[in-house]
Structures are given as C-alpha cells and as structure tokens.
PDB file of N, CA and C in Angstrom:
ATOM      1  N   MET A   1      20.740 -15.897   0.961  1.00  0.00           N
ATOM      2  CA  MET A   1      20.664 -14.714   1.798  1.00  0.00           C
ATOM      3  C   MET A   1      19.318 -14.033   1.562  1.00  0.00           C
ATOM      4  N   ASN A   2      18.650 -13.640   2.605  1.00  0.00           N
ATOM      5  CA  ASN A   2      17.314 -13.052   2.519  1.00  0.00           C
ATOM      6  C   ASN A   2      17.334 -11.531   2.587  1.00  0.00           C
ATOM      7  N   LEU A   3      18.334 -10.893   2.044  1.00  0.00           N
ATOM      8  CA  LEU A   3      18.409  -9.434   2.069  1.00  0.00           C
ATOM      9  C   LEU A   3      17.745  -8.872   0.822  1.00  0.00           C
ATOM     10  N   ASP A   4      16.664  -8.136   1.014  1.00  0.00           N
ATOM     11  CA  ASP A   4      15.962  -7.522  -0.106  1.00  0.00           C
ATOM     12  C   ASP A   4      15.819  -6.037   0.193  1.00  0.00           C
ATOM     13  N   ILE A   5      16.447  -5.215  -0.613  1.00  0.00           N
ATOM     14  CA  ILE A   5      16.511  -3.778  -0.360  1.00  0.00           C
ATOM     15  C   ILE A   5      15.221  -3.066  -0.790  1.00  0.00           C
ATOM     16  N   ARG A   6      14.341  -3.772  -1.507  1.00  0.00           N
ATOM     17  CA  ARG A   6      13.135  -3.122  -2.020  1.00  0.00           C
ATOM     18  C   ARG A   6      12.163  -2.716  -0.913  1.00  0.00           C
ATOM     19  N   LEU A   7      12.106  -3.465   0.168  1.00  0.00           N
ATOM     20  CA  LEU A   7      11.178  -3.105   1.250  1.00  0.00           C
ATOM     21  C   LEU A   7      11.553  -1.794   1.937  1.00  0.00           C
ATOM     22  N   PRO A   8      12.798  -1.616   2.409  1.00  0.00           N
ATOM     23  CA  PRO A   8      13.111  -0.322   3.031  1.00  0.00           C
ATOM     24  C   PRO A   8      13.066   0.848   2.054  1.00  0.00           C
ATOM     25  N   ILE A   9      13.464   0.605   0.805  1.00  0.00           N
ATOM     26  CA  ILE A   9      13.387   1.688  -0.187  1.00  0.00           C
ATOM     27  C   ILE A   9      11.932   2.049  -0.447  1.00  0.00           C
ATOM     28  N   GLY A  10      11.069   1.051  -0.543  1.00  0.00           N
ATOM     29  CA  GLY A  10       9.649   1.319  -0.749  1.00  0.00           C
ATOM     30  C   GLY A  10       9.036   2.084   0.401  1.00  0.00           C
ATOM     31  N   LEU A  11       9.393   1.704   1.619  1.00  0.00           N
ATOM     32  CA  LEU A  11       8.884   2.436   2.787  1.00  0.00           C
ATOM     33  C   LEU A  11       9.381   3.872   2.807  1.00  0.00           C
ATOM     34  N   LEU A  12      10.637   4.075   2.446  1.00  0.00           N
ATOM     35  CA  LEU A  12      11.201   5.419   2.418  1.00  0.00           C
ATOM     36  C   LEU A  12      10.490   6.292   1.389  1.00  0.00           C
ATOM     37  N   PHE A  13      10.367   5.791   0.164  1.00  0.00           N
ATOM     38  CA  PHE A  13       9.719   6.581  -0.883  1.00  0.00           C
ATOM     39  C   PHE A  13       8.242   6.818  -0.586  1.00  0.00           C
ATOM     40  N   ALA A  14       7.559   5.812  -0.054  1.00  0.00           N
ATOM     41  CA  ALA A  14       6.134   5.982   0.245  1.00  0.00           C
ATOM     42  C   ALA A  14       5.916   7.005   1.355  1.00  0.00           C
ATOM     43  N   SER A  15       6.754   6.974   2.390  1.00  0.00           N
ATOM     44  CA  SER A  15       6.571   7.934   3.479  1.00  0.00           C
ATOM     45  C   SER A  15       6.931   9.354   3.049  1.00  0.00           C
ATOM     46  N   LEU A  16       8.031   9.505   2.313  1.00  0.00           N
ATOM     47  CA  LEU A  16       8.382  10.845   1.831  1.00  0.00           C
ATOM     48  C   LEU A  16       7.364  11.367   0.822  1.00  0.00           C
ATOM     49  N   GLY A  17       6.850  10.479  -0.015  1.00  0.00           N
ATOM     50  CA  GLY A  17       5.821  10.886  -0.970  1.00  0.00           C
ATOM     51  C   GLY A  17       4.538  11.300  -0.284  1.00  0.00           C
ATOM     52  N   ALA A  18       4.177  10.590   0.781  1.00  0.00           N
ATOM     53  CA  ALA A  18       2.976  10.958   1.525  1.00  0.00           C
ATOM     54  C   ALA A  18       3.143  12.334   2.180  1.00  0.00           C
ATOM     55  N   LEU A  19       4.314  12.578   2.745  1.00  0.00           N
ATOM     56  CA  LEU A  19       4.570  13.903   3.336  1.00  0.00           C
ATOM     57  C   LEU A  19       4.498  15.002   2.278  1.00  0.00           C
ATOM     58  N   LEU A  20       5.098  14.760   1.122  1.00  0.00           N
ATOM     59  CA  LEU A  20       5.094  15.763   0.061  1.00  0.00           C
ATOM     60  C   LEU A  20       3.687  15.982  -0.484  1.00  0.00           C
ATOM     61  N   ALA A  21       2.916  14.915  -0.629  1.00  0.00           N
ATOM     62  CA  ALA A  21       1.544  15.049  -1.126  1.00  0.00           C
ATOM     63  C   ALA A  21       0.663  15.800  -0.129  1.00  0.00           C
ATOM     64  N   VAL A  22       0.829  15.533   1.147  1.00  0.00           N
ATOM     65  CA  VAL A  22       0.055  16.261   2.164  1.00  0.00           C
ATOM     66  C   VAL A  22       0.441  17.734   2.157  1.00  0.00           C
ATOM     67  N   PHE A  23       1.744  18.017   2.031  1.00  0.00           N
ATOM     68  CA  PHE A  23       2.184  19.413   1.943  1.00  0.00           C
ATOM     69  C   PHE A  23       1.583  20.091   0.710  1.00  0.00           C
ATOM     70  N   GLY A  24       1.551  19.368  -0.401  1.00  0.00           N
ATOM     71  CA  GLY A  24       0.951  19.920  -1.614  1.00  0.00           C
ATOM     72  C   GLY A  24      -0.530  20.176  -1.468  1.00  0.00           C
ATOM     73  N   LEU A  25      -1.224  19.289  -0.764  1.00  0.00           N
ATOM     74  CA  LEU A  25      -2.654  19.498  -0.533  1.00  0.00           C
ATOM     75  C   LEU A  25      -2.909  20.705   0.357  1.00  0.00           C
ATOM     76  N   VAL A  26      -2.122  20.830   1.430  1.00  0.00           N
ATOM     77  CA  VAL A  26      -2.331  21.933   2.376  1.00  0.00           C
ATOM     78  C   VAL A  26      -2.001  23.270   1.734  1.00  0.00           C
ATOM     79  N   THR A  27      -0.873  23.343   1.044  1.00  0.00           N
ATOM     80  CA  THR A  27      -0.488  24.617   0.444  1.00  0.00           C
ATOM     81  C   THR A  27      -1.251  24.912  -0.835  1.00  0.00           C
ATOM     82  N   GLY A  28      -1.839  23.900  -1.446  1.00  0.00           N
ATOM     83  CA  GLY A  28      -2.612  24.129  -2.660  1.00  0.00           C
ATOM     84  C   GLY A  28      -3.877  24.920  -2.405  1.00  0.00           C
ATOM     85  N   PHE A  29      -4.422  24.780  -1.206  1.00  0.00           N
ATOM     86  CA  PHE A  29      -5.641  25.499  -0.872  1.00  0.00           C
ATOM     87  C   PHE A  29      -5.373  26.855  -0.232  1.00  0.00           C
ATOM     88  N   THR A  30      -4.180  27.049   0.312  1.00  0.00           N
ATOM     89  CA  THR A  30      -3.933  28.277   1.056  1.00  0.00           C
ATOM     90  C   THR A  30      -3.027  29.271   0.337  1.00  0.00           C
ATOM     91  N   ASP A  31      -1.998  28.781  -0.353  1.00  0.00           N
ATOM     92  CA  ASP A  31      -0.986  29.689  -0.912  1.00  0.00           C
ATOM     93  C   ASP A  31      -0.850  29.454  -2.414  1.00  0.00           C
ATOM     94  N   ASN A  32      -1.594  30.214  -3.206  1.00  0.00           N
ATOM     95  CA  ASN A  32      -1.525  30.063  -4.658  1.00  0.00           C
ATOM     96  C   ASN A  32      -0.287  30.714  -5.254  1.00  0.00           C
ATOM     97  N   ALA A  33       0.329  31.651  -4.553  1.00  0.00           N
ATOM     98  CA  ALA A  33       1.524  32.319  -5.061  1.00  0.00           C
ATOM     99  C   ALA A  33       2.729  31.389  -5.077  1.00  0.00           C
ATOM    100  N   LEU A  34       2.671  30.329  -4.300  1.00  0.00           N
ATOM    101  CA  LEU A  34       3.769  29.366  -4.246  1.00  0.00           C
ATOM    102  C   LEU A  34       3.957  28.656  -5.583  1.00  0.00           C
ATOM    103  N   TYR A  35       2.881  28.479  -6.334  1.00  0.00           N
ATOM    104  CA  TYR A  35       2.943  27.725  -7.583  1.00  0.00           C
ATOM    105  C   TYR A  35       2.892  28.611  -8.824  1.00  0.00           C
ATOM    106  N   ASP A  36       3.197  29.892  -8.685  1.00  0.00           N
ATOM    107  CA  ASP A  36       3.226  30.784  -9.841  1.00  0.00           C
ATOM    108  C   ASP A  36       4.372  30.447 -10.792  1.00  0.00           C
ATOM    109  N   ARG A  37       5.509  30.048 -10.249  1.00  0.00           N
ATOM    110  CA  ARG A  37       6.674  29.726 -11.097  1.00  0.00           C
ATOM    111  C   ARG A  37       6.466  28.441 -11.894  1.00  0.00           C
ATOM    112  N   SER A  38       5.612  27.548 -11.410  1.00  0.00           N
ATOM    113  CA  SER A  38       5.364  26.284 -12.111  1.00  0.00           C
ATOM    114  C   SER A  38       4.068  26.336 -12.919  1.00  0.00           C
ATOM    115  N   LEU A  39       3.691  27.520 -13.357  1.00  0.00           N
ATOM    116  CA  LEU A  39       2.507  27.750 -14.190  1.00  0.00           C
ATOM    117  C   LEU A  39       1.213  27.284 -13.528  1.00  0.00           C
ATOM    118  N   GLY A  40       1.166  27.383 -12.206  1.00  0.00           N
ATOM    119  CA  GLY A  40      -0.034  27.043 -11.467  1.00  0.00           C
ATOM    120  C   GLY A  40      -0.214  25.558 -11.203  1.00  0.00           C
ATOM    121  N   ILE A  41       0.771  24.743 -11.555  1.00  0.00           N
ATOM    122  CA  ILE A  41       0.680  23.301 -11.324  1.00  0.00           C
ATOM    123  C   ILE A  41       1.187  23.001  -9.920  1.00  0.00           C
ATOM    124  N   ASN A  42       0.436  22.240  -9.175  1.00  0.00           N
ATOM    125  CA  ASN A  42       0.814  21.866  -7.822  1.00  0.00           C
ATOM    126  C   ASN A  42       1.838  20.729  -7.899  1.00  0.00           C
ATOM    127  N   VAL A  43       3.100  21.102  -8.067  1.00  0.00           N
ATOM    128  CA  VAL A  43       4.173  20.146  -8.291  1.00  0.00           C
ATOM    129  C   VAL A  43       4.374  19.251  -7.075  1.00  0.00           C
ATOM    130  N   ASN A  44       4.239  19.796  -5.893  1.00  0.00           N
ATOM    131  CA  ASN A  44       4.416  18.999  -4.681  1.00  0.00           C
ATOM    132  C   ASN A  44       3.392  17.873  -4.593  1.00  0.00           C
ATOM    133  N   LEU A  45       2.164  18.164  -4.935  1.00  0.00           N
ATOM    134  CA  LEU A  45       1.125  17.149  -4.883  1.00  0.00           C
ATOM    135  C   LEU A  45       1.377  16.046  -5.905  1.00  0.00           C
ATOM    136  N   TRP A  46       1.667  16.435  -7.145  1.00  0.00           N
ATOM    137  CA  TRP A  46       1.841  15.429  -8.197  1.00  0.00           C
ATOM    138  C   TRP A  46       3.077  14.571  -7.979  1.00  0.00           C
ATOM    139  N   TRP A  47       4.194  15.173  -7.603  1.00  0.00           N
ATOM    140  CA  TRP A  47       5.395  14.369  -7.367  1.00  0.00           C
ATOM    141  C   TRP A  47       5.272  13.553  -6.087  1.00  0.00           C
ATOM    142  N   GLY A  48       4.515  14.035  -5.122  1.00  0.00           N
ATOM    143  CA  GLY A  48       4.244  13.236  -3.937  1.00  0.00           C
ATOM    144  C   GLY A  48       3.463  11.982  -4.284  1.00  0.00           C
ATOM    145  N   LEU A  49       2.484  12.126  -5.168  1.00  0.00           N
ATOM    146  CA  LEU A  49       1.720  10.961  -5.596  1.00  0.00           C
ATOM    147  C   LEU A  49       2.572   9.992  -6.403  1.00  0.00           C
ATOM    148  N   VAL A  50       3.465  10.519  -7.237  1.00  0.00           N
ATOM    149  CA  VAL A  50       4.384   9.651  -7.997  1.00  0.00           C
ATOM    150  C   VAL A  50       5.279   8.869  -7.040  1.00  0.00           C
ATOM    151  N   LEU A  51       5.794   9.522  -6.010  1.00  0.00           N
ATOM    152  CA  LEU A  51       6.646   8.843  -5.045  1.00  0.00           C
ATOM    153  C   LEU A  51       5.881   7.787  -4.252  1.00  0.00           C
ATOM    154  N   VAL A  52       4.633   8.069  -3.908  1.00  0.00           N
ATOM    155  CA  VAL A  52       3.820   7.082  -3.192  1.00  0.00           C
ATOM    156  C   VAL A  52       3.573   5.861  -4.077  1.00  0.00           C
ATOM    157  N   ILE A  53       3.286   6.071  -5.345  1.00  0.00           N
ATOM    158  CA  ILE A  53       3.057   4.951  -6.263  1.00  0.00           C
ATOM    159  C   ILE A  53       4.329   4.134  -6.434  1.00  0.00           C
ATOM    160  N   PHE A  54       5.471   4.806  -6.597  1.00  0.00           N
ATOM    161  CA  PHE A  54       6.742   4.095  -6.731  1.00  0.00           C
ATOM    162  C   PHE A  54       7.062   3.309  -5.457  1.00  0.00           C
ATOM    163  N   GLY A  55       6.835   3.918  -4.303  1.00  0.00           N
ATOM    164  CA  GLY A  55       7.068   3.235  -3.036  1.00  0.00           C
ATOM    165  C   GLY A  55       6.166   2.022  -2.868  1.00  0.00           C
ATOM    166  N   ALA A  56       4.899   2.161  -3.260  1.00  0.00           N
ATOM    167  CA  ALA A  56       3.977   1.030  -3.170  1.00  0.00           C
ATOM    168  C   ALA A  56       4.395  -0.093  -4.114  1.00  0.00           C
ATOM    169  N   LEU A  57       4.901   0.261  -5.278  1.00  0.00           N
ATOM    170  CA  LEU A  57       5.392  -0.741  -6.221  1.00  0.00           C
ATOM    171  C   LEU A  57       6.599  -1.491  -5.651  1.00  0.00           C
ATOM    172  N   MET A  58       7.523  -0.765  -5.029  1.00  0.00           N
ATOM    173  CA  MET A  58       8.693  -1.415  -4.426  1.00  0.00           C
ATOM    174  C   MET A  58       8.286  -2.330  -3.271  1.00  0.00           C
ATOM    175  N   ILE A  59       7.342  -1.886  -2.452  1.00  0.00           N
ATOM    176  CA  ILE A  59       6.869  -2.721  -1.342  1.00  0.00           C
ATOM    177  C   ILE A  59       6.194  -3.974  -1.885  1.00  0.00           C
ATOM    178  N   TRP A  60       5.382  -3.820  -2.911  1.00  0.00           N
ATOM    179  CA  TRP A  60       4.699  -4.970  -3.504  1.00  0.00           C
ATOM    180  C   TRP A  60       5.697  -5.956  -4.105  1.00  0.00           C
ATOM    181  N   LEU A  61       6.698  -5.451  -4.825  1.00  0.00           N
ATOM    182  CA  LEU A  61       7.705  -6.334  -5.410  1.00  0.00           C
ATOM    183  C   LEU A  61       8.526  -7.037  -4.334  1.00  0.00           C
ATOM    184  N   GLY A  62       8.869  -6.332  -3.285  1.00  0.00           N
ATOM    185  CA  GLY A  62       9.623  -6.941  -2.201  1.00  0.00           C
ATOM    186  C   GLY A  62       8.837  -8.004  -1.472  1.00  0.00           C
ATOM    187  N   ARG A  63       7.553  -7.756  -1.251  1.00  0.00           N
ATOM    188  CA  ARG A  63       6.725  -8.750  -0.563  1.00  0.00           C
ATOM    189  C   ARG A  63       6.441  -9.931  -1.460  1.00  0.00           C
ATOM    190  N   ALA A  64       6.296  -9.711  -2.756  1.00  0.00           N
ATOM    191  CA  ALA A  64       6.068 -10.821  -3.681  1.00  0.00           C
ATOM    192  C   ALA A  64       7.292 -11.724  -3.732  1.00  0.00           C
ATOM    193  N   ARG A  65       8.470 -11.138  -3.667  1.00  0.00           N
ATOM    194  CA  ARG A  65       9.698 -11.925  -3.673  1.00  0.00           C
ATOM    195  C   ARG A  65       9.825 -12.750  -2.394  1.00  0.00           C
ATOM    196  N   LEU A  66       9.419 -12.184  -1.260  1.00  0.00           N
ATOM    197  CA  LEU A  66       9.479 -12.932   0.001  1.00  0.00           C
ATOM    198  C   LEU A  66       8.521 -14.117   0.000  1.00  0.00           C
ATOM    199  N   THR A  67       7.340 -13.957  -0.579  1.00  0.00           N
ATOM    200  CA  THR A  67       6.388 -15.058  -0.584  1.00  0.00           C
ATOM    201  C   THR A  67       6.823 -16.160  -1.538  1.00  0.00           C
ATOM    202  N   THR A  68       7.437 -15.824  -2.674  1.00  0.00           N
ATOM    203  CA  THR A  68       7.890 -16.868  -3.592  1.00  0.00           C
ATOM    204  C   THR A  68       9.098 -17.598  -3.014  1.00  0.00           C
ATOM    205  N   ARG A  69       9.913 -16.900  -2.267  1.00  0.00           N
ATOM    206  CA  ARG A  69      11.060 -17.542  -1.650  1.00  0.00           C
ATOM    207  C   ARG A  69      10.645 -18.504  -0.550  1.00  0.00           C
ATOM    208  N   SER A  70       9.615 -18.152   0.191  1.00  0.00           N
ATOM    209  CA  SER A  70       9.197 -19.010   1.292  1.00  0.00           C
ATOM    210  C   SER A  70       8.448 -20.239   0.794  1.00  0.00           C
ATOM    211  N   THR A  71       7.892 -20.208  -0.418  1.00  0.00           N
ATOM    212  CA  THR A  71       7.163 -21.361  -0.934  1.00  0.00           C
ATOM    213  C   THR A  71       8.072 -22.342  -1.679  1.00  0.00           C
ATOM    214  N   GLU A  72       9.312 -21.957  -1.982  1.00  0.00           N
ATOM    215  CA  GLU A  72      10.224 -22.866  -2.656  1.00  0.00           C
ATOM    216  C   GLU A  72      10.646 -23.958  -1.694  1.00  0.00           C
ATOM    217  N   THR A  73      10.822 -25.148  -2.211  1.00  0.00           N
ATOM    218  CA  THR A  73      11.295 -26.253  -1.379  1.00  0.00           C
ATOM    219  C   THR A  73      12.810 -26.317  -1.456  1.00  0.00           C
ATOM    220  N   PRO A  74      13.466 -26.754  -0.401  1.00  0.00           N
ATOM    221  CA  PRO A  74      14.929 -26.817  -0.419  1.00  0.00           C
ATOM    222  C   PRO A  74      15.458 -27.807  -1.451  1.00  0.00           C
ATOM    223  N   SER A  75      14.687 -28.828  -1.796  1.00  0.00           N
ATOM    224  CA  SER A  75      15.175 -29.801  -2.764  1.00  0.00           C
ATOM    225  C   SER A  75      15.163 -29.250  -4.175  1.00  0.00           C
ATOM    226  N   SER A  76      14.323 -28.219  -4.470  1.00  0.00           N
ATOM    227  CA  SER A  76      14.280 -27.660  -5.809  1.00  0.00           C
ATOM    228  C   SER A  76      15.421 -26.677  -6.064  1.00  0.00           C
ATOM    229  N   LYS A  77      16.094 -26.224  -5.015  1.00  0.00           N
ATOM    230  CA  LYS A  77      17.225 -25.316  -5.175  1.00  0.00           C
ATOM    231  C   LYS A  77      18.481 -26.126  -5.475  1.00  0.00           C
ATOM    232  N   GLY A  78      19.216 -25.728  -6.434  1.00  0.00           N
ATOM    233  CA  GLY A  78      20.531 -26.276  -6.678  1.00  0.00           C
ATOM    234  C   GLY A  78      20.562 -27.677  -7.242  1.00  0.00           C
ATOM    235  N   THR A  79      19.446 -28.207  -7.694  1.00  0.00           N
ATOM    236  CA  THR A  79      19.494 -29.523  -8.310  1.00  0.00           C
ATOM    237  C   THR A  79      19.819 -29.358  -9.780  1.00  0.00           C
ATOM    238  N   ALA A  80      20.726 -30.185 -10.257  1.00  0.00           N
ATOM    239  CA  ALA A  80      21.128 -30.061 -11.650  1.00  0.00           C
ATOM    240  C   ALA A  80      20.663 -31.233 -12.465  1.00  0.00           C
TER     241      ALA A  80
END
C-alpha cells in the first residue's frame, strides 16, 4: 500500500508555519506591545519557523520514502 501520511502532514505544518512566521514578521515591526507578556520575544516568528522546519522535514522524509519504494524491484520483495 502506498499510503504515506508524512506528505500531507508536512504540507499542513509548513503552510501553517509560514502563515505564523509571516504574522510574526508583520506584527514584530508594528506592534511591540503584543510581545510584552513573552518578555519581548517574537514567539509567533520563532514557532512559525520551527513549524516550517518540521514540515520541510516531513515532506523530505515522505519524498525519500517514495523514491526508495519506486526503485525497489518486485523480485526483491518477499523473497525468503
């Protein structure tokens, strides 16, 4: 079965992380009072970047698995 959940999860995390990082960039320059509770750390930007990296890792792992599966020969599967 060729069902690999890493690709859609990677796309989801990467897109949400990109949105959060862009929001962090926009509000980081305009609204400094937003980050007073987090000691001035732009939490949206940093966690957005973490989500983008995690999403890219999931996409890379999913694509690497697809390429190794397509290069396997049918005779090498299930031979004992």
